[in-house]
Amino acid sequence: MKRWITFLMVAAVVLCLNGIPLFAQHGGGGGQAGRGGMRGAGGPKSDMGKQTSGMNRGKGTSTPGTKTPGDLLTQNTKLASKLQSLLPAATDLQGAAAGFKNLGQFVAAIHVSNNLGIPFDQLKEKMVGGESLGKAIQELKPDVDAKAEAKKAQKQAKQDIRESESGS
């Protein structure tokens, strides 16, 4: 009986979060994103969460008609401007976004880099290589609470995306 109730509760949470996909990350332990973590912002009027097919299933393949984080930043100049200010001056925003599965993952990575002083290129390498945000933080900055820092960055990313959509 307990298993059935647990299954129903998990299914309800998944269904609720499925309508707003953004932070679909996967990878082994350390991060909460691959294990029912936050899945996003991008509300009903937004295509911010529709960058890649299979995003909620943890697959990183694109299909025709989907938008990459770089495409979305080209459309959303307010968000692009804010993110550029968080990266080192000579960083190409489109190049920095290349390889990330979705916009939320990219924005959260920028916040982690900025918050913790982790070089963005090192964080990107781990995440584009398949590690979750939490696992990447754990490996690059073992003295911090990786789970809490990943959650904080995801919250910041969600807020940035919402603010940029409402002001556009």
Foldseek 3Di string as FASTA:
>chain_A
DVVVVVVVVLVVLCVVQVQAAAQQADADDQECNNPSDHGHAADPVGLQRFAAPCSNVHDQHHDPPHHFLLRVCVVQVQLVVVLCVLAPVVDDSSVLRPQASGNLQSQLLSQLCSVVVQHSVQQSVVRSVRHHQRVSCCVRPVVDSSHVSSNVSSVVSNVSVVVSVVVD
